[in-house]
Amino acid sequence: MYLVTAEQMRELDRITIDRLGIPAVALMENAGRAIAEEIIELCRKRNGGHASRGIGRTVDNGTGQDLTGFDVSGDRALTLDTAAAEHWFILVGKGNNGGDGLVAARYLREAGIAVTLVYAVPPESLTGEAALQRDAAAALGLSAAVYGQDPLDFAACSGILDALLGTGAAGAPRGVYAELIAAANASGKPIVSADIPSGLNADTGEMHAPCVHASVTVCLAFLKRGLLQYPGAGAAGTVVVRAIGIPVSLAREVGLQSYWLTPEVLQAGLGVDVLRHRSPEGHKGTYGHVLVAGGTLRMSGAGLLAARAALRAGSGLVTWALPQKLLPAVIGAAPELMLADVGGDEQGNWNAGTAAELLRLSAERDVTAVGPGLGRFQGDTDWLRTLWEGTEGPLVIDADALNILAETDYSHWASRPGSVVLTPHPGEMARLAGISTAEVQRDRIGLAERYAREHGVILVLKGAHTVIAAPDGVSYVNTTGHPGMGTGGAGDVLTGIIAGLLAQGLNALQAAAFGVYLHGLAGERAAGLRNHPASLIAGDIIESL
């Protein structure tokens, strides 16, 4: 599924209306009906009725359960057995978002649900298609009030439709809009937002003050980027994406290259075999050989986790390279691994002299993963440059290897035949980009896209809803995962998974995207097996692959 910015959505609207000749009022009618259908569905569910999805499909994460909170659906019948118990306040802004809300109000009324239109501004100030819908609502005699002029009791309603501010809004809500948002949030009633919650940045997920906290967001036509980025994703509730008549075929015309990562996108868009079929004639040599370089006396477990994860991801062979001093302590820690002595100092740390042996080892392996538990040492910049320029296969860089990159201008390093995958968490990304962690989190998708393009790497920006970005501008946002995965070593596991997939012949973008997806899915499974998800540890993720 495509992800769009507000500007791209405006362009899609323009092409649909001006070139295809589909009237704006028709799009608004479709949008309002879709919103009303979702409100009716919400009412059914909370009153114990059966969900009536009609023609459509629910997109899950491959487990058979809708764990992502996102849904793509078709038409629903506009009927509700318990309609008499419902009374919805429709908060109407002066723009097209308000017009969508007015259409929804008509359909709700048709289904037997009582509605009260709550205008943020005097209704005569509405223009264009929104004014047409205002007039239609008035002709039908829908109850209406103007906020601040007419008495309102939010305790009297059973739910609220937020149709105040759409994707065209900029900055924090002010004046009556801010007051209405605050009142809606304080009411304790379920809120359904039209397209995006009012006060949410549609591109970045930034939440202005105030911002609607929705139970359901009915996203129209295409999924907005801000609904997949925190903190905004937390304010959107369950996000339902509904078609309104804008052809999906227009997406490529306006240059959409950002996607929500789903099994369908992995399979059809990236050409990944999501079932990971194995050949009946396969053997350990068929599925590649990973070299993991990492681990010190203090952090030997990081290298071990990455190496074990590469095996569980399906790599036929994995060699764990580490300083000679550590070898006796880790023999047998994972019998399936091969160990390689690279020298190092007397304390079991890496040093500049280990680069030559790593180059020799990498020449006989398909992919090299470097960084987990590596530590820092004298000459580490030249050491990493030697690996960058001397290894031919794909290179996965994580942890301290990322911190080494952050302290040098590696743009002048020689280009390499193999691809590079960087897997920073937000703090490491901040060091790479030379900005604060808060700035990283402010627009994760945009930053990842820019960095990948400027540096010619596949970038995996870890965190809640990990972003995968490629040099050609393509990006993916993953929604598998679980809060219990916030534990030491989980990132090392991801490094191993991506390396293991690369060894099996996936290209760098395929391995990064599929690796992130599998990592999150394994985390969900692992959390489900624990008495409490807080007890989840990195090794559990490996065992759930």
Protein backbone atom coordinates (compact mmCIF):
# COMPACT_ATOMS: atom_id res chain seq x y z
CA MET A 1 0.00 0.00 0.00
CA TYR A 2 1.24 3.45 -0.96
CA LEU A 3 2.04 6.14 1.59
CA VAL A 4 1.50 9.78 0.63
CA THR A 5 2.48 13.23 1.78
CA ALA A 6 -0.09 16.01 1.93
CA GLU A 7 1.35 17.58 -1.22
CA GLN A 8 1.18 14.28 -3.13
CA MET A 9 -2.43 13.84 -2.01
CA ARG A 10 -3.28 17.31 -3.32
CA GLU A 11 -1.73 16.42 -6.66
CA LEU A 12 -3.70 13.18 -6.85
CA ASP A 13 -6.89 15.10 -6.11
CA ARG A 14 -6.05 17.66 -8.80
CA ILE A 15 -5.37 15.08 -11.51
CA THR A 16 -8.53 13.14 -10.65
CA ILE A 17 -10.71 16.25 -10.81
CA ASP A 18 -9.08 18.25 -13.60
CA ARG A 19 -7.87 15.57 -15.98
CA LEU A 20 -10.10 12.58 -15.33
CA GLY A 21 -13.18 14.75 -14.87
CA ILE A 22 -14.37 13.16 -11.66
CA PRO A 23 -16.10 16.00 -9.80
CA ALA A 24 -14.76 17.03 -6.42
CA VAL A 25 -18.27 16.75 -5.00
CA ALA A 26 -18.35 13.08 -6.06
CA LEU A 27 -15.11 12.40 -4.21
CA MET A 28 -16.53 14.15 -1.16
CA GLU A 29 -19.70 12.10 -1.35
CA ASN A 30 -17.68 8.88 -1.46
CA ALA A 31 -15.50 10.04 1.42
CA GLY A 32 -18.46 10.95 3.62
CA ARG A 33 -20.20 7.65 2.98
CA ALA A 34 -17.03 5.72 3.82
CA ILE A 35 -16.69 7.61 7.11
CA ALA A 36 -20.33 6.96 8.00
CA GLU A 37 -19.91 3.26 7.28
CA GLU A 38 -16.97 3.07 9.66
CA ILE A 39 -18.89 4.88 12.39
CA ILE A 40 -21.74 2.41 11.99
CA GLU A 41 -19.24 -0.44 12.17
CA LEU A 42 -17.82 0.99 15.38
CA CYS A 43 -21.31 1.26 16.85
CA ARG A 44 -22.07 -2.34 15.91
CA LYS A 45 -18.92 -3.60 17.60
CA ARG A 46 -19.33 -1.75 20.85
CA ASN A 47 -22.99 -2.81 21.10
CA GLY A 48 -22.17 -6.46 20.59
CA GLY A 49 -23.27 -6.64 16.99
CA HIS A 50 -21.52 -8.59 14.29
CA ALA A 51 -18.97 -6.88 12.08
CA SER A 52 -20.26 -6.62 8.52
CA ARG A 53 -17.23 -6.07 6.36
CA GLY A 54 -19.06 -6.58 3.08
CA ILE A 55 -16.85 -6.64 -0.01
CA GLY A 56 -13.31 -6.04 1.08
CA ARG A 57 -10.39 -7.53 2.92
CA THR A 58 -8.56 -7.12 6.18
CA VAL A 59 -4.79 -6.87 5.89
CA ASP A 60 -3.04 -8.67 8.73
CA ASN A 61 0.61 -9.35 9.47
CA GLY A 62 0.68 -12.96 8.42
CA THR A 63 -0.42 -14.46 11.75
CA GLY A 64 -4.12 -14.57 10.99
CA GLN A 65 -4.72 -11.79 13.50
CA ASP A 66 -5.11 -8.09 12.71
CA LEU A 67 -2.22 -7.01 14.92
CA THR A 68 -1.12 -4.03 12.87
CA GLY A 69 -4.16 -1.87 13.54
CA PHE A 70 -4.56 -1.14 9.84
CA ASP A 71 -7.37 -2.30 7.63
CA VAL A 72 -8.38 -1.99 3.97
CA SER A 73 -12.09 -2.48 3.47
CA GLY A 74 -14.91 -2.35 0.99
CA ASP A 75 -18.56 -1.26 1.26
CA ARG A 76 -20.74 -1.78 4.28
CA ALA A 77 -24.50 -1.76 4.55
CA LEU A 78 -25.73 1.46 6.10
CA THR A 79 -27.94 -0.16 8.71
CA LEU A 80 -27.72 -0.35 12.48
CA ASP A 81 -30.08 -2.25 14.77
CA THR A 82 -29.13 -0.12 17.79
CA ALA A 83 -29.29 3.22 15.98
CA ALA A 84 -31.81 4.66 18.41
CA ALA A 85 -29.22 4.51 21.20
CA GLU A 86 -26.74 6.59 19.24
CA HIS A 87 -26.28 10.35 19.02
CA TRP A 88 -23.15 11.64 17.31
CA PHE A 89 -21.69 15.13 17.33
CA ILE A 90 -20.19 16.02 13.93
CA LEU A 91 -17.43 18.61 14.39
CA VAL A 92 -17.34 20.56 11.13
CA GLY A 93 -14.40 22.68 9.97
CA LYS A 94 -14.66 25.18 7.15
CA GLY A 95 -12.64 23.21 4.58
CA ASN A 96 -13.13 20.00 2.60
CA ASN A 97 -12.61 17.93 5.74
CA GLY A 98 -15.71 19.59 7.14
CA GLY A 99 -17.54 18.83 3.91
CA ASP A 100 -16.68 15.13 4.30
CA GLY A 101 -18.14 15.29 7.79
CA LEU A 102 -21.36 16.86 6.54
CA VAL A 103 -21.82 14.07 4.01
CA ALA A 104 -21.17 11.49 6.73
CA ALA A 105 -23.82 13.17 8.89
CA ARG A 106 -26.41 12.71 6.16
CA TYR A 107 -25.67 8.99 5.86
CA LEU A 108 -25.70 8.52 9.61
CA ARG A 109 -29.06 10.23 9.79
CA GLU A 110 -30.28 7.92 7.01
CA ALA A 111 -29.21 4.93 9.12
CA GLY A 112 -31.35 6.20 11.99
CA ILE A 113 -28.57 7.71 14.08
CA ALA A 114 -29.23 11.08 15.65
CA VAL A 115 -26.65 13.69 14.65
CA THR A 116 -25.85 17.22 15.69
CA LEU A 117 -23.67 19.34 13.45
CA VAL A 118 -21.21 21.39 15.49
CA TYR A 119 -19.77 24.11 13.26
CA ALA A 120 -16.40 25.51 14.28
CA VAL A 121 -17.21 28.69 12.38
CA PRO A 122 -20.52 30.20 11.24
CA PRO A 123 -21.83 27.90 8.49
CA GLU A 124 -22.19 30.78 6.03
CA SER A 125 -18.37 31.01 5.92
CA LEU A 126 -18.07 27.60 4.24
CA THR A 127 -17.28 27.70 0.52
CA GLY A 128 -17.03 25.38 -2.48
CA GLU A 129 -18.12 21.75 -2.10
CA ALA A 130 -18.33 22.14 1.69
CA ALA A 131 -20.94 24.87 1.20
CA LEU A 132 -22.97 22.55 -1.05
CA GLN A 133 -22.95 19.92 1.67
CA ARG A 134 -23.93 22.52 4.27
CA ASP A 135 -26.96 23.40 2.20
CA ALA A 136 -27.93 19.75 1.73
CA ALA A 137 -27.70 19.13 5.46
CA ALA A 138 -29.82 22.19 6.17
CA ALA A 139 -32.42 21.11 3.61
CA LEU A 140 -32.71 17.76 5.39
CA GLY A 141 -33.22 19.55 8.69
CA LEU A 142 -30.14 18.17 10.44
CA SER A 143 -29.73 19.64 13.89
CA ALA A 144 -26.93 22.23 13.94
CA ALA A 145 -25.08 24.46 16.39
CA VAL A 146 -22.17 26.88 16.19
CA TYR A 147 -19.53 26.30 18.82
CA GLY A 148 -19.28 29.22 21.21
CA GLN A 149 -22.65 30.60 20.18
CA ASP A 150 -25.07 27.76 20.95
CA PRO A 151 -25.21 25.60 24.09
CA LEU A 152 -23.59 22.19 23.76
CA ASP A 153 -23.30 19.28 26.17
CA PHE A 154 -20.71 16.74 25.05
CA ALA A 155 -21.99 14.38 27.74
CA ALA A 156 -25.19 14.05 25.71
CA CYS A 157 -23.53 12.44 22.69
CA SER A 158 -22.45 8.81 22.26
CA GLY A 159 -19.61 9.58 19.85
CA ILE A 160 -17.82 12.35 17.98
CA LEU A 161 -16.79 12.69 14.36
CA ASP A 162 -13.72 14.89 14.02
CA ALA A 163 -14.02 16.63 10.64
CA LEU A 164 -12.24 19.83 11.66
CA LEU A 165 -8.81 19.94 10.03
CA GLY A 166 -7.50 17.90 7.12
CA THR A 167 -4.12 17.41 5.45
CA GLY A 168 -4.04 21.02 4.30
CA ALA A 169 -3.82 22.39 7.83
CA ALA A 170 -0.45 23.76 8.97
CA GLY A 171 0.82 24.36 12.47
CA ALA A 172 -0.96 24.02 15.79
CA PRO A 173 -4.75 24.42 15.91
CA ARG A 174 -5.76 27.83 17.20
CA GLY A 175 -8.80 29.57 18.57
CA VAL A 176 -12.10 27.75 18.33
CA TYR A 177 -10.48 24.75 16.63
CA ALA A 178 -8.16 24.25 19.61
CA GLU A 179 -11.10 24.62 21.99
CA LEU A 180 -13.20 22.05 20.11
CA ILE A 181 -10.34 19.54 20.04
CA ALA A 182 -9.78 19.95 23.76
CA ALA A 183 -13.48 19.53 24.46
CA ALA A 184 -13.70 16.39 22.31
CA ASN A 185 -10.70 14.80 24.00
CA ALA A 186 -12.03 15.66 27.45
CA SER A 187 -15.47 14.18 26.71
CA GLY A 188 -14.35 10.57 27.06
CA LYS A 189 -16.47 9.66 24.03
CA PRO A 190 -15.12 7.60 21.12
CA ILE A 191 -13.78 9.87 18.38
CA VAL A 192 -13.63 8.96 14.71
CA SER A 193 -11.35 11.23 12.69
CA ALA A 194 -11.91 11.99 9.03
CA ASP A 195 -8.67 11.33 7.11
CA ILE A 196 -6.31 12.37 9.94
CA PRO A 197 -6.82 13.44 13.55
CA SER A 198 -7.07 17.22 13.73
CA GLY A 199 -3.79 18.62 15.02
CA LEU A 200 -1.66 15.83 13.52
CA ASN A 201 0.98 16.57 10.87
CA ALA A 202 -0.01 14.36 7.94
CA ASP A 203 3.59 14.02 6.72
CA THR A 204 5.66 13.55 9.86
CA GLY A 205 3.33 12.28 12.57
CA GLU A 206 4.14 15.27 14.77
CA MET A 207 1.34 16.00 17.24
CA HIS A 208 0.59 19.65 17.74
CA ALA A 209 -1.03 20.91 20.92
CA PRO A 210 -3.86 20.18 21.02
CA CYS A 211 -4.37 17.09 18.86
CA VAL A 212 -7.37 14.80 18.64
CA HIS A 213 -6.89 11.36 20.17
CA ALA A 214 -9.01 9.19 17.92
CA SER A 215 -10.40 5.71 18.45
CA VAL A 216 -10.60 5.23 14.67
CA THR A 217 -9.15 7.22 11.80
CA VAL A 218 -10.82 6.76 8.42
CA CYS A 219 -7.97 7.56 6.05
CA LEU A 220 -9.25 8.51 2.61
CA ALA A 221 -7.84 7.24 -0.70
CA PHE A 222 -4.20 6.70 0.36
CA LEU A 223 -2.51 6.14 3.70
CA LYS A 224 -0.93 9.34 5.00
CA ARG A 225 2.68 9.08 6.16
CA GLY A 226 2.00 10.73 9.49
CA LEU A 227 -0.37 7.94 10.50
CA LEU A 228 2.54 5.46 10.50
CA GLN A 229 4.99 7.63 12.43
CA TYR A 230 5.00 8.14 16.17
CA PRO A 231 3.84 9.95 18.15
CA GLY A 232 1.01 10.54 15.68
CA ALA A 233 0.40 6.84 15.13
CA GLY A 234 -0.53 6.61 18.79
CA ALA A 235 -3.18 9.32 18.40
CA ALA A 236 -4.81 7.78 15.33
CA GLY A 237 -6.27 4.69 16.95
CA THR A 238 -7.21 1.99 14.46
CA VAL A 239 -6.54 3.28 10.96
CA VAL A 240 -8.92 2.21 8.22
CA VAL A 241 -8.05 3.10 4.63
CA ARG A 242 -11.02 3.58 2.31
CA ALA A 243 -11.14 4.17 -1.42
CA ILE A 244 -13.09 7.23 -2.60
CA GLY A 245 -12.71 7.01 -6.37
CA ILE A 246 -9.13 8.18 -6.98
CA PRO A 247 -7.49 5.52 -9.20
CA VAL A 248 -4.51 3.76 -7.64
CA SER A 249 -2.94 3.80 -11.11
CA LEU A 250 -2.26 7.51 -10.64
CA ALA A 251 0.17 6.77 -7.80
CA ARG A 252 3.16 6.21 -10.05
CA GLU A 253 2.32 9.30 -12.08
CA VAL A 254 2.84 11.55 -9.08
CA GLY A 255 6.00 9.70 -8.05
CA LEU A 256 4.80 7.72 -5.04
CA GLN A 257 7.67 5.53 -3.83
CA SER A 258 6.82 5.04 -0.19
CA TYR A 259 4.95 1.96 1.01
CA TRP A 260 3.47 0.35 4.06
CA LEU A 261 5.35 -2.94 4.33
CA THR A 262 2.89 -5.83 4.11
CA PRO A 263 3.22 -9.43 2.89
CA GLU A 264 1.60 -8.32 -0.37
CA VAL A 265 4.16 -5.54 -0.86
CA LEU A 266 7.01 -7.91 -0.03
CA GLN A 267 5.74 -10.55 -2.45
CA ALA A 268 4.45 -8.48 -5.36
CA GLY A 269 6.49 -5.31 -5.02
CA LEU A 270 9.84 -6.64 -3.87
CA GLY A 271 9.67 -10.16 -5.26
CA VAL A 272 10.33 -11.81 -1.89
CA ASP A 273 9.23 -15.38 -1.20
CA VAL A 274 7.58 -14.63 2.13
CA LEU A 275 7.10 -18.35 2.84
CA ARG A 276 10.86 -18.93 2.48
CA HIS A 277 10.58 -22.17 0.52
CA ARG A 278 13.60 -24.49 0.66
CA SER A 279 14.71 -26.62 -2.26
CA PRO A 280 14.46 -30.38 -1.71
CA GLU A 281 17.96 -30.55 -3.21
CA GLY A 282 19.37 -27.78 -1.07
CA HIS A 283 22.33 -28.18 1.26
CA LYS A 284 24.31 -25.92 3.56
CA GLY A 285 26.22 -24.48 0.65
CA THR A 286 23.00 -23.57 -1.12
CA TYR A 287 22.02 -21.00 1.50
CA GLY A 288 25.16 -18.96 1.80
CA HIS A 289 27.83 -18.20 4.37
CA VAL A 290 27.75 -15.22 6.75
CA LEU A 291 30.75 -13.70 8.48
CA VAL A 292 29.89 -11.86 11.72
CA ALA A 293 32.63 -9.59 13.10
CA GLY A 294 31.83 -8.44 16.61
CA GLY A 295 32.08 -9.09 20.30
CA THR A 296 34.48 -8.02 23.05
CA LEU A 297 35.03 -9.27 26.58
CA ARG A 298 32.35 -6.90 27.85
CA MET A 299 29.89 -7.42 24.97
CA SER A 300 30.58 -10.87 23.57
CA GLY A 301 26.86 -11.63 23.64
CA ALA A 302 26.14 -9.07 20.91
CA GLY A 303 28.24 -10.94 18.38
CA LEU A 304 26.75 -14.26 19.47
CA LEU A 305 23.19 -12.98 19.07
CA ALA A 306 23.88 -11.69 15.57
CA ALA A 307 25.54 -14.95 14.54
CA ARG A 308 22.74 -17.11 15.93
CA ALA A 309 20.12 -14.93 14.27
CA ALA A 310 21.85 -15.34 10.90
CA LEU A 311 21.54 -19.11 11.32
CA ARG A 312 17.88 -18.92 12.33
CA ALA A 313 17.19 -16.68 9.34
CA GLY A 314 18.24 -19.59 7.16
CA SER A 315 21.89 -19.04 6.29
CA GLY A 316 23.56 -22.37 5.63
CA LEU A 317 26.81 -21.47 7.39
CA VAL A 318 27.86 -18.73 9.82
CA THR A 319 31.35 -17.89 10.98
CA TRP A 320 31.77 -15.72 14.07
CA ALA A 321 35.04 -13.81 13.99
CA LEU A 322 36.30 -12.41 17.29
CA PRO A 323 39.50 -11.65 19.19
CA GLN A 324 41.62 -14.70 20.07
CA LYS A 325 41.45 -13.99 23.81
CA LEU A 326 37.69 -14.60 23.79
CA LEU A 327 37.66 -17.88 21.89
CA PRO A 328 38.01 -20.26 24.87
CA ALA A 329 35.09 -18.59 26.65
CA VAL A 330 32.63 -18.95 23.75
CA ILE A 331 33.49 -22.41 22.46
CA GLY A 332 30.26 -24.38 22.41
CA ALA A 333 28.03 -21.38 23.15
CA ALA A 334 26.31 -22.16 19.86
CA PRO A 335 27.61 -25.47 18.46
CA GLU A 336 26.23 -24.71 15.01
CA LEU A 337 28.60 -21.75 14.58
CA MET A 338 32.14 -21.77 13.26
CA LEU A 339 34.62 -19.60 15.14
CA ALA A 340 37.49 -17.61 13.64
CA ASP A 341 40.46 -16.10 15.46
CA VAL A 342 41.32 -12.61 14.23
CA GLY A 343 44.01 -11.78 16.81
CA GLY A 344 43.26 -8.63 18.80
CA ASP A 345 44.91 -7.35 21.96
CA GLU A 346 45.66 -9.12 25.22
CA GLN A 347 42.41 -7.95 26.83
CA GLY A 348 40.25 -9.48 24.11
CA ASN A 349 39.57 -6.26 22.22
CA TRP A 350 39.67 -5.57 18.54
CA ASN A 351 42.57 -3.58 17.13
CA ALA A 352 43.76 -2.25 13.80
CA GLY A 353 45.70 -5.44 13.10
CA THR A 354 42.53 -7.53 12.84
CA ALA A 355 41.52 -5.99 9.51
CA ALA A 356 43.82 -8.15 7.39
CA GLU A 357 42.44 -11.41 8.78
CA LEU A 358 38.86 -10.19 8.36
CA LEU A 359 39.55 -9.41 4.71
CA ARG A 360 40.89 -12.92 4.20
CA LEU A 361 37.85 -14.44 5.89
CA SER A 362 35.37 -12.27 4.00
CA ALA A 363 36.79 -13.34 0.66
CA GLU A 364 35.46 -16.84 1.35
CA ARG A 365 32.06 -15.73 2.67
CA ASP A 366 29.01 -14.25 0.96
CA VAL A 367 28.22 -11.38 3.32
CA THR A 368 29.93 -9.61 6.23
CA ALA A 369 28.12 -8.15 9.24
CA VAL A 370 30.20 -5.88 11.44
CA GLY A 371 29.57 -3.90 14.61
CA PRO A 372 27.62 -5.81 17.29
CA GLY A 373 29.73 -5.68 20.46
CA LEU A 374 32.69 -4.34 18.51
CA GLY A 375 33.73 -1.53 20.86
CA ARG A 376 36.02 1.33 19.88
CA PHE A 377 39.80 1.15 19.49
CA GLN A 378 42.80 3.05 18.19
CA GLY A 379 42.74 3.16 14.39
CA ASP A 380 39.15 1.96 14.08
CA THR A 381 38.34 4.46 11.31
CA ASP A 382 41.08 3.11 9.04
CA TRP A 383 40.09 -0.41 10.09
CA LEU A 384 36.49 0.09 8.92
CA ARG A 385 37.63 1.81 5.75
CA THR A 386 39.78 -1.23 4.96
CA LEU A 387 36.72 -3.47 5.25
CA TRP A 388 34.57 -1.04 3.27
CA GLU A 389 36.98 -0.85 0.38
CA GLY A 390 38.39 -4.39 0.58
CA THR A 391 35.33 -6.61 0.92
CA GLU A 392 33.41 -7.44 -2.24
CA GLY A 393 30.16 -8.88 -0.92
CA PRO A 394 27.35 -7.08 0.88
CA LEU A 395 28.26 -5.34 4.13
CA VAL A 396 25.86 -4.90 7.07
CA ILE A 397 27.00 -2.20 9.51
CA ASP A 398 25.58 -1.81 13.01
CA ALA A 399 26.31 -0.55 16.52
CA ASP A 400 29.86 0.75 17.11
CA ALA A 401 30.68 0.40 13.41
CA LEU A 402 27.98 3.03 12.84
CA ASN A 403 29.55 5.28 15.45
CA ILE A 404 32.86 4.97 13.60
CA LEU A 405 31.15 6.04 10.38
CA ALA A 406 29.56 8.98 12.18
CA GLU A 407 32.98 10.40 13.03
CA THR A 408 34.32 10.45 9.50
CA ASP A 409 33.33 11.66 6.06
CA TYR A 410 33.04 8.30 4.36
CA SER A 411 31.70 9.82 1.16
CA HIS A 412 35.25 9.97 -0.19
CA TRP A 413 35.93 6.29 0.50
CA ALA A 414 36.26 4.20 -2.63
CA SER A 415 33.02 2.83 -4.04
CA ARG A 416 32.52 -0.85 -3.44
CA PRO A 417 30.98 -3.57 -5.63
CA GLY A 418 28.76 -4.91 -2.84
CA SER A 419 25.85 -3.10 -1.25
CA VAL A 420 25.90 -1.52 2.21
CA VAL A 421 23.09 -1.81 4.76
CA LEU A 422 23.18 0.54 7.77
CA THR A 423 20.95 -0.34 10.73
CA PRO A 424 20.98 2.62 13.18
CA HIS A 425 18.66 3.18 16.11
CA PRO A 426 17.56 6.83 16.56
CA GLY A 427 20.60 7.77 18.66
CA GLU A 428 23.01 6.32 16.13
CA MET A 429 21.06 7.97 13.32
CA ALA A 430 21.40 11.31 15.09
CA ARG A 431 25.18 10.89 15.17
CA LEU A 432 25.31 9.86 11.51
CA ALA A 433 23.20 12.82 10.42
CA GLY A 434 24.75 15.33 12.83
CA ILE A 435 21.42 16.28 14.40
CA SER A 436 19.60 15.60 17.66
CA THR A 437 17.64 12.46 18.36
CA ALA A 438 14.50 14.58 18.65
CA GLU A 439 15.08 15.86 15.11
CA VAL A 440 15.50 12.28 13.88
CA GLN A 441 12.17 11.32 15.39
CA ARG A 442 10.43 14.39 14.00
CA ASP A 443 10.35 13.01 10.44
CA ARG A 444 11.77 9.50 10.32
CA ILE A 445 10.64 8.69 6.79
CA GLY A 446 11.90 11.92 5.24
CA LEU A 447 15.26 11.72 7.01
CA ALA A 448 15.80 8.08 6.08
CA GLU A 449 15.00 8.80 2.44
CA ARG A 450 17.39 11.75 2.27
CA TYR A 451 20.26 9.94 3.98
CA ALA A 452 19.94 6.81 1.83
CA ARG A 453 19.86 8.90 -1.34
CA GLU A 454 22.80 11.11 -0.40
CA HIS A 455 25.06 8.28 0.79
CA GLY A 456 24.09 5.48 -1.59
CA VAL A 457 23.19 2.99 1.16
CA ILE A 458 20.21 0.96 2.27
CA LEU A 459 19.19 2.58 5.54
CA VAL A 460 17.22 0.75 8.22
CA LEU A 461 16.11 3.34 10.78
CA LYS A 462 15.07 1.19 13.72
CA GLY A 463 12.38 1.94 16.26
CA ALA A 464 8.61 1.75 16.51
CA HIS A 465 7.60 1.40 12.85
CA THR A 466 11.08 0.91 11.40
CA VAL A 467 11.79 2.71 8.11
CA ILE A 468 13.73 1.09 5.27
CA ALA A 469 15.03 3.48 2.59
CA ALA A 470 16.97 2.92 -0.63
CA PRO A 471 19.22 5.24 -2.69
CA ASP A 472 16.64 5.51 -5.48
CA GLY A 473 14.11 7.14 -3.14
CA VAL A 474 12.01 4.06 -2.41
CA SER A 475 11.03 3.61 1.23
CA TYR A 476 9.02 1.18 3.32
CA VAL A 477 7.50 1.49 6.79
CA ASN A 478 7.14 -1.69 8.82
CA THR A 479 4.41 -2.14 11.44
CA THR A 480 5.19 -5.60 12.77
CA GLY A 481 6.80 -5.67 16.21
CA HIS A 482 5.96 -5.40 19.88
CA PRO A 483 6.85 -3.01 22.73
CA GLY A 484 8.48 -5.93 24.52
CA MET A 485 11.25 -5.82 21.90
CA GLY A 486 12.73 -2.79 23.64
CA THR A 487 15.47 -4.92 25.16
CA GLY A 488 19.24 -5.16 24.83
CA GLY A 489 20.38 -7.25 21.88
CA ALA A 490 17.23 -6.97 19.78
CA GLY A 491 19.10 -4.82 17.26
CA ASP A 492 21.94 -7.35 17.06
CA VAL A 493 19.35 -9.99 16.19
CA LEU A 494 18.08 -7.81 13.33
CA THR A 495 21.62 -7.42 11.99
CA GLY A 496 22.01 -11.20 11.91
CA ILE A 497 18.65 -11.73 10.22
CA ILE A 498 19.43 -9.26 7.43
CA ALA A 499 22.90 -10.80 6.93
CA GLY A 500 21.38 -14.27 6.81
CA LEU A 501 18.89 -13.26 4.14
CA LEU A 502 21.61 -11.57 2.09
CA ALA A 503 23.64 -14.79 2.20
CA GLN A 504 20.67 -16.64 0.71
CA GLY A 505 20.69 -14.46 -2.37
CA LEU A 506 18.26 -11.65 -1.59
CA ASN A 507 19.42 -8.23 -2.70
CA ALA A 508 20.11 -5.58 -0.09
CA LEU A 509 16.68 -3.91 -0.23
CA GLN A 510 14.86 -7.23 -0.16
CA ALA A 511 16.92 -8.50 2.76
CA ALA A 512 16.55 -5.28 4.75
CA ALA A 513 12.79 -5.03 4.26
CA PHE A 514 12.05 -8.71 4.76
CA GLY A 515 14.48 -8.90 7.66
CA VAL A 516 12.76 -6.04 9.47
CA TYR A 517 9.36 -7.60 8.83
CA LEU A 518 10.44 -11.04 10.11
CA HIS A 519 12.20 -9.51 13.11
CA GLY A 520 9.01 -7.72 14.17
CA LEU A 521 6.85 -10.76 13.52
CA ALA A 522 9.16 -12.94 15.62
CA GLY A 523 9.01 -10.35 18.39
CA GLU A 524 5.22 -10.52 18.38
CA ARG A 525 5.28 -14.30 18.57
CA ALA A 526 7.89 -14.28 21.32
CA ALA A 527 5.91 -11.76 23.39
CA GLY A 528 2.83 -13.94 23.07
CA LEU A 529 4.70 -16.86 24.61
CA ARG A 530 5.78 -14.98 27.73
CA ASN A 531 3.73 -14.55 30.89
CA HIS A 532 4.34 -10.83 30.43
CA PRO A 533 5.90 -9.14 27.39
CA ALA A 534 8.26 -7.22 29.66
CA SER A 535 10.09 -10.51 30.21
CA LEU A 536 10.97 -10.77 26.52
CA ILE A 537 14.71 -10.99 25.78
CA ALA A 538 16.62 -10.91 22.50
CA GLY A 539 17.20 -14.64 22.46
CA ASP A 540 13.43 -15.20 22.52
CA ILE A 541 13.17 -13.33 19.22
CA ILE A 542 15.70 -15.68 17.62
CA GLU A 543 13.83 -18.75 18.82
CA SER A 544 10.55 -17.38 17.39
CA LEU A 545 11.88 -16.89 13.86
